[in-house]
Structure formats: C-alpha cells, structure tokens
C-alpha cells in the first residue's frame, strides 16, 4: 500500500484521472457479466491504465493480452489495427477470459494469479501444494512475480478506493467523458475526421488507440469512438471526411497480418526502416523523414527518446 500511496503517488493521481474515463467502461462490462466490480483495478497493475502499454514479452493494451490469447478471445491484429489496445473490445475479452478462469478455480484470488502467470503455473503450484486450492497455500510454489501480484492487486484496490484518505487528488486529464461510437466500412484517417469535425486529433488518438497508424482500414466494419458532440457531424459528413486530402492524410497501406502469434509488433510492409547511427537523435531522424517525434515513438512503441546504435526504426 505504501508503494502506491507514497512512492507512486503522482502516478496514482494520473491513473485516478484516467479512471474517470476507463473505469465506467470496465464497470459496465463486469456488471453485465455479473463479475466482481473490483476486477476493474486489474489494468492498474497490468498497464497503469495505458492502452498502448507494451511488455517485453509482447503483451499489449490495458489488459496486457499476448497476441495468441487475444486471438483466442476475438482480438485481431495487423499492421494498422491492434484490437488488444481497444478499450471496449479488450475489456469484453478480458471479462470472458477471467470468467473462464473462474469456472476452473472457483476462487478469485487464484483467477487473478492465473491471469498473471497462466493457468499452467497455477495448476503446477496446486499440485506441489498437495492439491490445495487456496492462494496463500500455493503461494510458495508460484512464480516470484505472481507472489507479489495478488498483494499488488489488493493494494491497488485499496488505494484507488480510499485515495482521499491519503490526500491524493485525481489529475485533470483531457478526456471527453461523454463519448459514443460510430461504425464505418470506409477507409479514413483520424486526421481527416479531426479536420472536418473540428476535433483535436490527439483526443481522437486517445479515444481510439487501436488504430496504430491513425488509419481506419475500411476493409470491414470498424468502430470509432468520438466525443458525443461530434457523432451527428460524422454521420452527416462521412463521405466528405474520407475524401478530404485523401492522398496526403490517408495513404494506401497494405495490411500485413502478423507472422506469428508470439510477435507483439507488426510493421507495415511498405514502411521505411531506418537503422540508427552514432549521433542520431529522434528529433533529427524525424526532421529528415518529415514526420514528428511522436509519430516515430508511436509507430515503434518507444517509451523514451533513448536510441541504440544499430536499432531499427520504422519512419514512415
């Protein structure tokens, strides 16, 4: 608890601000599945409520799905779209996965442990404990990371519930709380939508983190999350949006299916790749390729500006 209320105080303030948008999404799904509402705090320890969070193992999204597990629960991915990063679809998938785990263990502490390390490791710990089905009884036989996972969940649940008693205030996050979704089968970009509807493109990106290149492919039915005030405008001007500066803002890209379930990043087949040289900075690379630093970081899942000589970057 001290970790969240003292050492990670600023991060908790930020997550509480994000929670004003994300927690109602989680609550609606968990309530509809008749599951404990407290499970909404799992993404706090999984991803710090960052839908673009990407682990070294290849897990992605708020709920940190591996690609193979995501596919099992209906989350598709290619070079343009990663549905593990879709707050709505990933939450439905996580609820189904957690419910299936509960059907196996009938104990939410074991479910949470299995969500972290996989049912195989939990089953092994149960066998090594002599068949006990209690988290604290199998605790010594779990992987080291998982031994701290359930206590971390308990601490996160406490902190996110009783933050006011520790004089922690939610940060003010620029998220439109009144949002709705629209459907489209037409190819368009978030920049086109922002330009025609007068919206901030960064807000649209935050509402739609599943679109890796800001492009809605249009090859099938896709959903777009918009501020409620922009929904009618989208419906009325959809054709205008997808034709606005089409070549500049919505270039044709080939959707590339991932080569294997284990991979976590899927670059475009026609994307330019640059190898980092001594003295390079993200700013200089961005200027040379006429893109922004933010775009390079987003395309390559970079969390900092640090580069390594020989590192490969997608730059367009």
C-alpha atoms as a PDB file:
ATOM      1  CA  UNK A   1       0.000   0.000   0.000  1.00  0.00           C
ATOM      2  CA  UNK A   2       2.886   2.352   0.793  1.00  0.00           C
ATOM      3  CA  UNK A   3       4.179   1.837  -2.752  1.00  0.00           C
ATOM      4  CA  UNK A   4       1.016   3.385  -4.225  1.00  0.00           C
ATOM      5  CA  UNK A   5       0.188   5.970  -1.542  1.00  0.00           C
ATOM      6  CA  UNK A   6       3.737   7.302  -1.104  1.00  0.00           C
ATOM      7  CA  UNK A   7       6.289   6.210  -3.706  1.00  0.00           C
ATOM      8  CA  UNK A   8       3.929   6.160  -6.701  1.00  0.00           C
ATOM      9  CA  UNK A   9       1.695   8.976  -5.508  1.00  0.00           C
ATOM     10  CA  UNK A  10       1.995  11.047  -8.708  1.00  0.00           C
ATOM     11  CA  UNK A  11       1.283   8.010 -10.861  1.00  0.00           C
ATOM     12  CA  UNK A  12      -1.798   7.213  -8.754  1.00  0.00           C
ATOM     13  CA  UNK A  13      -3.053  10.783  -9.263  1.00  0.00           C
ATOM     14  CA  UNK A  14      -2.656  10.331 -13.016  1.00  0.00           C
ATOM     15  CA  UNK A  15      -4.355   6.905 -13.010  1.00  0.00           C
ATOM     16  CA  UNK A  16      -7.266   8.269 -10.966  1.00  0.00           C
ATOM     17  CA  UNK A  17      -7.707  10.928 -13.635  1.00  0.00           C
ATOM     18  CA  UNK A  18      -7.648   8.302 -16.386  1.00  0.00           C
ATOM     19  CA  UNK A  19     -10.017   6.158 -14.327  1.00  0.00           C
ATOM     20  CA  UNK A  20     -12.789   8.709 -14.748  1.00  0.00           C
ATOM     21  CA  UNK A  21     -12.899   7.590 -18.379  1.00  0.00           C
ATOM     22  CA  UNK A  22     -11.828   3.933 -18.206  1.00  0.00           C
ATOM     23  CA  UNK A  23     -13.458   2.659 -15.001  1.00  0.00           C
ATOM     24  CA  UNK A  24     -17.056   3.171 -16.223  1.00  0.00           C
ATOM     25  CA  UNK A  25     -16.177   1.098 -19.321  1.00  0.00           C
ATOM     26  CA  UNK A  26     -14.807  -1.704 -17.138  1.00  0.00           C
ATOM     27  CA  UNK A  27     -17.725  -1.481 -14.696  1.00  0.00           C
ATOM     28  CA  UNK A  28     -20.370  -1.794 -17.426  1.00  0.00           C
ATOM     29  CA  UNK A  29     -18.775  -4.956 -18.829  1.00  0.00           C
ATOM     30  CA  UNK A  30     -18.089  -6.576 -15.442  1.00  0.00           C
ATOM     31  CA  UNK A  31     -21.606  -5.784 -14.250  1.00  0.00           C
ATOM     32  CA  UNK A  32     -23.148  -7.265 -17.401  1.00  0.00           C
ATOM     33  CA  UNK A  33     -21.125 -10.459 -16.809  1.00  0.00           C
ATOM     34  CA  UNK A  34     -22.080 -10.499 -13.084  1.00  0.00           C
ATOM     35  CA  UNK A  35     -18.429 -10.375 -12.047  1.00  0.00           C
ATOM     36  CA  UNK A  36     -16.809  -8.538  -9.104  1.00  0.00           C
ATOM     37  CA  UNK A  37     -16.539  -4.831  -9.900  1.00  0.00           C
ATOM     38  CA  UNK A  38     -13.171  -4.741  -8.113  1.00  0.00           C
ATOM     39  CA  UNK A  39     -11.653  -6.502 -11.124  1.00  0.00           C
ATOM     40  CA  UNK A  40     -11.693  -3.093 -12.798  1.00  0.00           C
ATOM     41  CA  UNK A  41      -8.439  -2.426 -10.919  1.00  0.00           C
ATOM     42  CA  UNK A  42      -6.523  -5.204 -12.701  1.00  0.00           C
ATOM     43  CA  UNK A  43      -5.441  -2.836 -15.526  1.00  0.00           C
ATOM     44  CA  UNK A  44      -3.951  -0.556 -12.869  1.00  0.00           C
ATOM     45  CA  UNK A  45      -1.243  -3.136 -12.163  1.00  0.00           C
ATOM     46  CA  UNK A  46      -1.214  -4.596 -15.684  1.00  0.00           C
ATOM     47  CA  UNK A  47      -0.742  -1.408 -17.692  1.00  0.00           C
ATOM     48  CA  UNK A  48      -1.093   1.626 -15.382  1.00  0.00           C
ATOM     49  CA  UNK A  49      -4.234   2.341 -17.471  1.00  0.00           C
ATOM     50  CA  UNK A  50      -2.158   2.890 -20.605  1.00  0.00           C
ATOM     51  CA  UNK A  51      -3.871   1.280 -23.645  1.00  0.00           C
ATOM     52  CA  UNK A  52      -0.580   1.481 -25.572  1.00  0.00           C
ATOM     53  CA  UNK A  53       1.408  -0.319 -22.865  1.00  0.00           C
ATOM     54  CA  UNK A  54       3.652  -2.948 -24.431  1.00  0.00           C
ATOM     55  CA  UNK A  55       5.632  -5.501 -22.418  1.00  0.00           C
ATOM     56  CA  UNK A  56       8.951  -7.120 -23.292  1.00  0.00           C
ATOM     57  CA  UNK A  57       7.090 -10.415 -23.610  1.00  0.00           C
ATOM     58  CA  UNK A  58       4.816  -8.927 -26.293  1.00  0.00           C
ATOM     59  CA  UNK A  59       1.682  -8.280 -24.222  1.00  0.00           C
ATOM     60  CA  UNK A  60      -0.235  -5.159 -25.174  1.00  0.00           C
ATOM     61  CA  UNK A  61      -3.146  -2.980 -24.141  1.00  0.00           C
ATOM     62  CA  UNK A  62      -4.928  -2.076 -20.929  1.00  0.00           C
ATOM     63  CA  UNK A  63      -5.385  -5.746 -20.048  1.00  0.00           C
ATOM     64  CA  UNK A  64      -1.974  -6.852 -21.407  1.00  0.00           C
ATOM     65  CA  UNK A  65      -3.086  -9.624 -23.742  1.00  0.00           C
ATOM     66  CA  UNK A  66      -0.476 -11.706 -25.511  1.00  0.00           C
ATOM     67  CA  UNK A  67      -1.304 -11.928 -29.204  1.00  0.00           C
ATOM     68  CA  UNK A  68      -2.204 -15.622 -29.080  1.00  0.00           C
ATOM     69  CA  UNK A  69      -4.525 -15.195 -26.078  1.00  0.00           C
ATOM     70  CA  UNK A  70      -6.093 -12.137 -27.668  1.00  0.00           C
ATOM     71  CA  UNK A  71      -6.819 -14.079 -30.846  1.00  0.00           C
ATOM     72  CA  UNK A  72      -8.481 -16.814 -28.770  1.00  0.00           C
ATOM     73  CA  UNK A  73     -10.855 -14.191 -27.385  1.00  0.00           C
ATOM     74  CA  UNK A  74     -11.616 -12.417 -30.652  1.00  0.00           C
ATOM     75  CA  UNK A  75      -8.983  -9.662 -30.679  1.00  0.00           C
ATOM     76  CA  UNK A  76      -7.459  -9.327 -34.148  1.00  0.00           C
ATOM     77  CA  UNK A  77      -4.295  -7.531 -35.145  1.00  0.00           C
ATOM     78  CA  UNK A  78      -2.422  -6.424 -38.233  1.00  0.00           C
ATOM     79  CA  UNK A  79      -0.156  -3.567 -39.287  1.00  0.00           C
ATOM     80  CA  UNK A  80      -2.955  -0.988 -38.971  1.00  0.00           C
ATOM     81  CA  UNK A  81      -5.140  -2.259 -36.135  1.00  0.00           C
ATOM     82  CA  UNK A  82      -4.368  -3.910 -32.796  1.00  0.00           C
ATOM     83  CA  UNK A  83      -7.624  -4.722 -31.036  1.00  0.00           C
ATOM     84  CA  UNK A  84      -5.774  -5.577 -27.828  1.00  0.00           C
ATOM     85  CA  UNK A  85      -5.488  -1.791 -27.480  1.00  0.00           C
ATOM     86  CA  UNK A  86      -9.230  -1.229 -27.999  1.00  0.00           C
ATOM     87  CA  UNK A  87     -10.596  -0.341 -24.515  1.00  0.00           C
ATOM     88  CA  UNK A  88     -14.044  -1.752 -25.269  1.00  0.00           C
ATOM     89  CA  UNK A  89     -13.174  -4.959 -27.124  1.00  0.00           C
ATOM     90  CA  UNK A  90     -10.242  -5.805 -24.861  1.00  0.00           C
ATOM     91  CA  UNK A  91     -12.394  -5.353 -21.753  1.00  0.00           C
ATOM     92  CA  UNK A  92     -15.033  -7.731 -23.121  1.00  0.00           C
ATOM     93  CA  UNK A  93     -12.274 -10.228 -23.968  1.00  0.00           C
ATOM     94  CA  UNK A  94     -10.702  -9.894 -20.507  1.00  0.00           C
ATOM     95  CA  UNK A  95     -14.069 -10.464 -18.826  1.00  0.00           C
ATOM     96  CA  UNK A  96     -14.578 -13.662 -20.841  1.00  0.00           C
ATOM     97  CA  UNK A  97     -11.080 -14.879 -20.018  1.00  0.00           C
ATOM     98  CA  UNK A  98     -11.471 -14.123 -16.298  1.00  0.00           C
ATOM     99  CA  UNK A  99     -14.874 -15.802 -16.266  1.00  0.00           C
ATOM    100  CA  UNK A 100     -13.413 -18.917 -17.883  1.00  0.00           C
ATOM    101  CA  UNK A 101     -10.642 -18.972 -15.277  1.00  0.00           C
ATOM    102  CA  UNK A 102     -13.228 -18.678 -12.510  1.00  0.00           C
ATOM    103  CA  UNK A 103     -15.012 -21.684 -13.992  1.00  0.00           C
ATOM    104  CA  UNK A 104     -11.784 -23.617 -13.422  1.00  0.00           C
ATOM    105  CA  UNK A 105     -10.727 -22.387  -9.966  1.00  0.00           C
ATOM    106  CA  UNK A 106     -13.900 -21.056  -8.258  1.00  0.00           C
ATOM    107  CA  UNK A 107     -11.666 -18.647  -6.336  1.00  0.00           C
ATOM    108  CA  UNK A 108     -10.974 -15.075  -7.459  1.00  0.00           C
ATOM    109  CA  UNK A 109      -7.503 -14.924  -5.893  1.00  0.00           C
ATOM    110  CA  UNK A 110      -6.486 -17.972  -7.930  1.00  0.00           C
ATOM    111  CA  UNK A 111      -8.107 -16.423 -11.006  1.00  0.00           C
ATOM    112  CA  UNK A 112      -6.052 -13.251 -10.582  1.00  0.00           C
ATOM    113  CA  UNK A 113      -2.887 -15.308 -10.108  1.00  0.00           C
ATOM    114  CA  UNK A 114      -3.677 -17.339 -13.252  1.00  0.00           C
ATOM    115  CA  UNK A 115      -4.312 -14.134 -15.194  1.00  0.00           C
ATOM    116  CA  UNK A 116      -0.766 -13.102 -14.351  1.00  0.00           C
ATOM    117  CA  UNK A 117       1.239 -16.309 -14.798  1.00  0.00           C
ATOM    118  CA  UNK A 118      -1.145 -18.558 -16.755  1.00  0.00           C
ATOM    119  CA  UNK A 119      -3.273 -21.478 -15.569  1.00  0.00           C
ATOM    120  CA  UNK A 120      -0.424 -23.920 -16.212  1.00  0.00           C
ATOM    121  CA  UNK A 121       1.720 -22.352 -13.490  1.00  0.00           C
ATOM    122  CA  UNK A 122      -1.206 -22.172 -11.064  1.00  0.00           C
ATOM    123  CA  UNK A 123      -2.052 -25.837 -11.699  1.00  0.00           C
ATOM    124  CA  UNK A 124       1.581 -26.760 -11.059  1.00  0.00           C
ATOM    125  CA  UNK A 125       1.542 -24.802  -7.775  1.00  0.00           C
ATOM    126  CA  UNK A 126      -1.683 -26.558  -6.732  1.00  0.00           C
ATOM    127  CA  UNK A 127      -0.095 -29.960  -7.387  1.00  0.00           C
ATOM    128  CA  UNK A 128       3.069 -29.036  -5.482  1.00  0.00           C
ATOM    129  CA  UNK A 129       0.983 -27.846  -2.512  1.00  0.00           C
ATOM    130  CA  UNK A 130      -0.720 -31.221  -2.269  1.00  0.00           C
ATOM    131  CA  UNK A 131      -3.868 -30.218  -4.121  1.00  0.00           C
ATOM    132  CA  UNK A 132      -4.785 -27.143  -2.061  1.00  0.00           C
ATOM    133  CA  UNK A 133      -6.933 -24.560  -3.855  1.00  0.00           C
ATOM    134  CA  UNK A 134      -6.150 -21.534  -1.738  1.00  0.00           C
ATOM    135  CA  UNK A 135      -3.912 -18.702  -2.925  1.00  0.00           C
ATOM    136  CA  UNK A 136      -1.933 -18.419   0.306  1.00  0.00           C
ATOM    137  CA  UNK A 137      -1.493 -22.199   0.479  1.00  0.00           C
ATOM    138  CA  UNK A 138       0.018 -22.332  -3.018  1.00  0.00           C
ATOM    139  CA  UNK A 139       1.848 -19.004  -2.606  1.00  0.00           C
ATOM    140  CA  UNK A 140       5.328 -20.548  -2.041  1.00  0.00           C
ATOM    141  CA  UNK A 141       5.018 -22.593  -5.228  1.00  0.00           C
ATOM    142  CA  UNK A 142       4.033 -19.742  -7.569  1.00  0.00           C
ATOM    143  CA  UNK A 143       6.494 -17.849  -9.802  1.00  0.00           C
ATOM    144  CA  UNK A 144       8.167 -14.993  -7.918  1.00  0.00           C
ATOM    145  CA  UNK A 145       6.384 -12.292  -9.925  1.00  0.00           C
ATOM    146  CA  UNK A 146       2.970 -13.816  -9.203  1.00  0.00           C
ATOM    147  CA  UNK A 147       3.657 -13.991  -5.468  1.00  0.00           C
ATOM    148  CA  UNK A 148       3.623 -10.210  -5.493  1.00  0.00           C
ATOM    149  CA  UNK A 149       0.783  -9.871  -7.986  1.00  0.00           C
ATOM    150  CA  UNK A 150      -2.252 -10.591  -5.794  1.00  0.00           C
ATOM    151  CA  UNK A 151      -0.909  -8.414  -2.933  1.00  0.00           C
ATOM    152  CA  UNK A 152      -0.319  -5.662  -5.521  1.00  0.00           C
ATOM    153  CA  UNK A 153      -3.919  -6.040  -6.701  1.00  0.00           C
ATOM    154  CA  UNK A 154      -5.168  -5.746  -3.108  1.00  0.00           C
ATOM    155  CA  UNK A 155      -3.006  -2.643  -2.589  1.00  0.00           C
ATOM    156  CA  UNK A 156      -4.199  -1.071  -5.852  1.00  0.00           C
ATOM    157  CA  UNK A 157      -7.837  -1.759  -4.963  1.00  0.00           C
ATOM    158  CA  UNK A 158      -7.376  -0.143  -1.544  1.00  0.00           C
ATOM    159  CA  UNK A 159      -5.528   2.884  -2.926  1.00  0.00           C
ATOM    160  CA  UNK A 160      -7.938   3.561  -5.791  1.00  0.00           C
ATOM    161  CA  UNK A 161     -10.872   3.299  -3.347  1.00  0.00           C
ATOM    162  CA  UNK A 162      -9.524   5.219  -0.337  1.00  0.00           C
ATOM    163  CA  UNK A 163      -7.200   7.692  -2.096  1.00  0.00           C
ATOM    164  CA  UNK A 164      -8.920  10.699  -0.493  1.00  0.00           C
ATOM    165  CA  UNK A 165      -7.927   9.498   2.973  1.00  0.00           C
ATOM    166  CA  UNK A 166      -4.308   9.760   1.854  1.00  0.00           C
ATOM    167  CA  UNK A 167      -4.888  13.259   0.428  1.00  0.00           C
ATOM    168  CA  UNK A 168      -4.373  12.051  -3.144  1.00  0.00           C
ATOM    169  CA  UNK A 169      -6.256  14.062  -5.772  1.00  0.00           C
ATOM    170  CA  UNK A 170      -7.115  12.783  -9.284  1.00  0.00           C
ATOM    171  CA  UNK A 171      -5.197  14.570 -12.032  1.00  0.00           C
ATOM    172  CA  UNK A 172      -7.125  16.600 -14.569  1.00  0.00           C
ATOM    173  CA  UNK A 173      -6.941  14.523 -17.765  1.00  0.00           C
ATOM    174  CA  UNK A 174      -8.140  15.876 -21.108  1.00  0.00           C
ATOM    175  CA  UNK A 175     -10.667  13.160 -21.892  1.00  0.00           C
ATOM    176  CA  UNK A 176     -14.210  13.907 -23.090  1.00  0.00           C
ATOM    177  CA  UNK A 177     -16.308  11.902 -20.635  1.00  0.00           C
ATOM    178  CA  UNK A 178     -19.364  11.977 -22.912  1.00  0.00           C
ATOM    179  CA  UNK A 179     -18.450   9.715 -25.833  1.00  0.00           C
ATOM    180  CA  UNK A 180     -20.191   7.449 -28.300  1.00  0.00           C
ATOM    181  CA  UNK A 181     -19.172   5.058 -31.049  1.00  0.00           C
ATOM    182  CA  UNK A 182     -19.944   5.149 -34.754  1.00  0.00           C
ATOM    183  CA  UNK A 183     -19.465   2.422 -37.346  1.00  0.00           C
ATOM    184  CA  UNK A 184     -17.865   2.738 -40.750  1.00  0.00           C
ATOM    185  CA  UNK A 185     -16.768   0.489 -43.599  1.00  0.00           C
ATOM    186  CA  UNK A 186     -14.934   3.349 -45.332  1.00  0.00           C
ATOM    187  CA  UNK A 187     -11.214   3.992 -45.245  1.00  0.00           C
ATOM    188  CA  UNK A 188     -10.267   7.217 -43.480  1.00  0.00           C
ATOM    189  CA  UNK A 189      -7.785   8.672 -41.020  1.00  0.00           C
ATOM    190  CA  UNK A 190      -8.169  10.295 -37.636  1.00  0.00           C
ATOM    191  CA  UNK A 191      -6.580  13.440 -39.135  1.00  0.00           C
ATOM    192  CA  UNK A 192      -9.377  13.636 -41.716  1.00  0.00           C
ATOM    193  CA  UNK A 193     -12.017  13.232 -39.012  1.00  0.00           C
ATOM    194  CA  UNK A 194     -10.353  15.897 -36.851  1.00  0.00           C
ATOM    195  CA  UNK A 195     -10.098  18.371 -39.730  1.00  0.00           C
ATOM    196  CA  UNK A 196     -13.713  18.106 -40.917  1.00  0.00           C
ATOM    197  CA  UNK A 197     -15.333  17.855 -37.471  1.00  0.00           C
ATOM    198  CA  UNK A 198     -13.085  20.405 -35.764  1.00  0.00           C
ATOM    199  CA  UNK A 199     -11.749  17.935 -33.197  1.00  0.00           C
ATOM    200  CA  UNK A 200      -8.348  17.662 -31.526  1.00  0.00           C
ATOM    201  CA  UNK A 201      -6.547  14.778 -33.234  1.00  0.00           C
ATOM    202  CA  UNK A 202      -4.711  13.859 -30.007  1.00  0.00           C
ATOM    203  CA  UNK A 203      -8.048  13.354 -28.241  1.00  0.00           C
ATOM    204  CA  UNK A 204      -9.210  11.142 -31.124  1.00  0.00           C
ATOM    205  CA  UNK A 205      -5.990   9.126 -30.818  1.00  0.00           C
ATOM    206  CA  UNK A 206      -6.531   8.665 -27.093  1.00  0.00           C
ATOM    207  CA  UNK A 207     -10.109   7.527 -27.709  1.00  0.00           C
ATOM    208  CA  UNK A 208      -9.023   5.128 -30.483  1.00  0.00           C
ATOM    209  CA  UNK A 209      -5.603   3.692 -29.538  1.00  0.00           C
ATOM    210  CA  UNK A 210      -6.262   0.515 -31.551  1.00  0.00           C
ATOM    211  CA  UNK A 211      -5.548   2.343 -34.842  1.00  0.00           C
ATOM    212  CA  UNK A 212      -1.767   2.025 -34.988  1.00  0.00           C
ATOM    213  CA  UNK A 213      -1.195   4.467 -37.874  1.00  0.00           C
ATOM    214  CA  UNK A 214      -4.260   6.650 -37.228  1.00  0.00           C
ATOM    215  CA  UNK A 215      -5.928   4.896 -40.178  1.00  0.00           C
ATOM    216  CA  UNK A 216      -9.282   3.106 -40.119  1.00  0.00           C
ATOM    217  CA  UNK A 217      -8.749   0.490 -42.860  1.00  0.00           C
ATOM    218  CA  UNK A 218     -12.335   0.249 -44.079  1.00  0.00           C
ATOM    219  CA  UNK A 219     -11.894  -3.366 -45.203  1.00  0.00           C
ATOM    220  CA  UNK A 220     -14.737  -4.377 -42.859  1.00  0.00           C
ATOM    221  CA  UNK A 221     -16.977  -2.788 -40.242  1.00  0.00           C
ATOM    222  CA  UNK A 222     -14.910  -0.749 -37.758  1.00  0.00           C
ATOM    223  CA  UNK A 223     -15.944   1.319 -34.760  1.00  0.00           C
ATOM    224  CA  UNK A 224     -14.663   4.800 -33.986  1.00  0.00           C
ATOM    225  CA  UNK A 225     -15.067   6.397 -30.568  1.00  0.00           C
ATOM    226  CA  UNK A 226     -15.933  10.096 -30.771  1.00  0.00           C
ATOM    227  CA  UNK A 227     -16.958  12.858 -28.379  1.00  0.00           C
ATOM    228  CA  UNK A 228     -20.762  12.767 -28.308  1.00  0.00           C
ATOM    229  CA  UNK A 229     -20.911  16.268 -29.769  1.00  0.00           C
ATOM    230  CA  UNK A 230     -19.172  15.034 -32.953  1.00  0.00           C
ATOM    231  CA  UNK A 231     -21.316  11.973 -33.680  1.00  0.00           C
ATOM    232  CA  UNK A 232     -24.040  13.672 -35.738  1.00  0.00           C
ATOM    233  CA  UNK A 233     -21.426  15.563 -37.743  1.00  0.00           C
ATOM    234  CA  UNK A 234     -19.647  12.310 -38.567  1.00  0.00           C
ATOM    235  CA  UNK A 235     -22.862  10.660 -39.756  1.00  0.00           C
ATOM    236  CA  UNK A 236     -23.755  13.667 -41.921  1.00  0.00           C
ATOM    237  CA  UNK A 237     -20.290  14.226 -43.405  1.00  0.00           C
ATOM    238  CA  UNK A 238     -18.799  10.724 -43.615  1.00  0.00           C
ATOM    239  CA  UNK A 239     -18.214  10.928 -47.378  1.00  0.00           C
ATOM    240  CA  UNK A 240     -16.618  14.365 -47.065  1.00  0.00           C
ATOM    241  CA  UNK A 241     -14.326  13.077 -44.326  1.00  0.00           C
ATOM    242  CA  UNK A 242     -12.975  10.101 -46.274  1.00  0.00           C
ATOM    243  CA  UNK A 243     -12.360  12.230 -49.399  1.00  0.00           C
ATOM    244  CA  UNK A 244     -10.675  15.172 -47.638  1.00  0.00           C
ATOM    245  CA  UNK A 245      -6.962  15.352 -48.623  1.00  0.00           C
ATOM    246  CA  UNK A 246      -7.178  11.632 -49.258  1.00  0.00           C
ATOM    247  CA  UNK A 247      -3.693  11.047 -50.689  1.00  0.00           C
ATOM    248  CA  UNK A 248      -1.979  13.176 -48.056  1.00  0.00           C
ATOM    249  CA  UNK A 249      -3.852  12.148 -44.899  1.00  0.00           C
ATOM    250  CA  UNK A 250      -4.937   8.613 -45.754  1.00  0.00           C
ATOM    251  CA  UNK A 251      -2.279   6.975 -47.976  1.00  0.00           C
ATOM    252  CA  UNK A 252      -2.895   3.447 -49.145  1.00  0.00           C
ATOM    253  CA  UNK A 253      -1.135   0.868 -46.995  1.00  0.00           C
ATOM    254  CA  UNK A 254      -1.161  -2.885 -47.294  1.00  0.00           C
ATOM    255  CA  UNK A 255      -2.476  -4.558 -44.172  1.00  0.00           C
ATOM    256  CA  UNK A 256       0.090  -7.094 -43.043  1.00  0.00           C
ATOM    257  CA  UNK A 257      -1.039  -9.985 -40.900  1.00  0.00           C
ATOM    258  CA  UNK A 258       1.373 -10.881 -38.087  1.00  0.00           C
ATOM    259  CA  UNK A 259       3.861 -13.597 -38.959  1.00  0.00           C
ATOM    260  CA  UNK A 260       3.276 -15.478 -35.721  1.00  0.00           C
ATOM    261  CA  UNK A 261       1.112 -15.310 -32.637  1.00  0.00           C
ATOM    262  CA  UNK A 262       4.110 -14.608 -30.448  1.00  0.00           C
ATOM    263  CA  UNK A 263       5.091 -11.330 -32.033  1.00  0.00           C
ATOM    264  CA  UNK A 264       3.968  -8.140 -30.421  1.00  0.00           C
ATOM    265  CA  UNK A 265       4.644  -5.601 -33.199  1.00  0.00           C
ATOM    266  CA  UNK A 266       3.528  -5.694 -36.793  1.00  0.00           C
ATOM    267  CA  UNK A 267       5.114  -3.134 -39.089  1.00  0.00           C
ATOM    268  CA  UNK A 268       3.713  -2.099 -42.467  1.00  0.00           C
ATOM    269  CA  UNK A 269       5.077  -3.955 -45.457  1.00  0.00           C
ATOM    270  CA  UNK A 270       5.673  -0.660 -47.272  1.00  0.00           C
ATOM    271  CA  UNK A 271       7.047   1.224 -44.257  1.00  0.00           C
ATOM    272  CA  UNK A 272      10.559   2.702 -44.446  1.00  0.00           C
ATOM    273  CA  UNK A 273      13.042   1.271 -41.959  1.00  0.00           C
ATOM    274  CA  UNK A 274      15.968   3.350 -40.691  1.00  0.00           C
ATOM    275  CA  UNK A 275      18.984   1.970 -38.801  1.00  0.00           C
ATOM    276  CA  UNK A 276      20.186   4.280 -36.015  1.00  0.00           C
ATOM    277  CA  UNK A 277      23.749   5.611 -36.382  1.00  0.00           C
ATOM    278  CA  UNK A 278      26.106   7.245 -33.912  1.00  0.00           C
ATOM    279  CA  UNK A 279      24.995  10.792 -33.056  1.00  0.00           C
ATOM    280  CA  UNK A 280      21.390  10.267 -34.174  1.00  0.00           C
ATOM    281  CA  UNK A 281      18.524  11.706 -32.156  1.00  0.00           C
ATOM    282  CA  UNK A 282      14.809  11.141 -32.581  1.00  0.00           C
ATOM    283  CA  UNK A 283      14.356  14.807 -33.474  1.00  0.00           C
ATOM    284  CA  UNK A 284      16.955  14.676 -36.249  1.00  0.00           C
ATOM    285  CA  UNK A 285      15.573  11.416 -37.652  1.00  0.00           C
ATOM    286  CA  UNK A 286      12.045  12.849 -37.596  1.00  0.00           C
ATOM    287  CA  UNK A 287      13.109  16.020 -39.447  1.00  0.00           C
ATOM    288  CA  UNK A 288      14.960  14.050 -42.134  1.00  0.00           C
ATOM    289  CA  UNK A 289      11.902  11.903 -42.787  1.00  0.00           C
ATOM    290  CA  UNK A 290       9.351  14.721 -42.465  1.00  0.00           C
ATOM    291  CA  UNK A 291       7.449  13.118 -39.616  1.00  0.00           C
ATOM    292  CA  UNK A 292       7.072  14.008 -35.942  1.00  0.00           C
ATOM    293  CA  UNK A 293       8.922  12.532 -32.975  1.00  0.00           C
ATOM    294  CA  UNK A 294       5.551  11.497 -31.540  1.00  0.00           C
ATOM    295  CA  UNK A 295       4.768   9.524 -34.718  1.00  0.00           C
ATOM    296  CA  UNK A 296       8.097   7.650 -34.631  1.00  0.00           C
ATOM    297  CA  UNK A 297       7.626   6.822 -30.951  1.00  0.00           C
ATOM    298  CA  UNK A 298       4.080   5.611 -31.574  1.00  0.00           C
ATOM    299  CA  UNK A 299       4.985   3.516 -34.634  1.00  0.00           C
ATOM    300  CA  UNK A 300       7.867   1.848 -32.784  1.00  0.00           C
ATOM    301  CA  UNK A 301       6.306   1.574 -29.307  1.00  0.00           C
ATOM    302  CA  UNK A 302       9.063   3.746 -27.804  1.00  0.00           C
ATOM    303  CA  UNK A 303       8.567   4.974 -24.251  1.00  0.00           C
ATOM    304  CA  UNK A 304      11.620   7.248 -24.142  1.00  0.00           C
ATOM    305  CA  UNK A 305      13.839   9.210 -26.534  1.00  0.00           C
ATOM    306  CA  UNK A 306      16.837   6.938 -25.961  1.00  0.00           C
ATOM    307  CA  UNK A 307      18.257   5.217 -29.043  1.00  0.00           C
ATOM    308  CA  UNK A 308      20.818   2.458 -29.542  1.00  0.00           C
ATOM    309  CA  UNK A 309      23.284   2.339 -32.424  1.00  0.00           C
ATOM    310  CA  UNK A 310      22.031  -0.238 -34.924  1.00  0.00           C
ATOM    311  CA  UNK A 311      18.446  -0.024 -33.680  1.00  0.00           C
ATOM    312  CA  UNK A 312      15.877  -0.289 -36.485  1.00  0.00           C
ATOM    313  CA  UNK A 313      13.050   2.239 -36.606  1.00  0.00           C
ATOM    314  CA  UNK A 314      10.003   2.451 -38.834  1.00  0.00           C
ATOM    315  CA  UNK A 315       9.997   6.058 -40.031  1.00  0.00           C
ATOM    316  CA  UNK A 316       7.054   6.160 -42.434  1.00  0.00           C
END
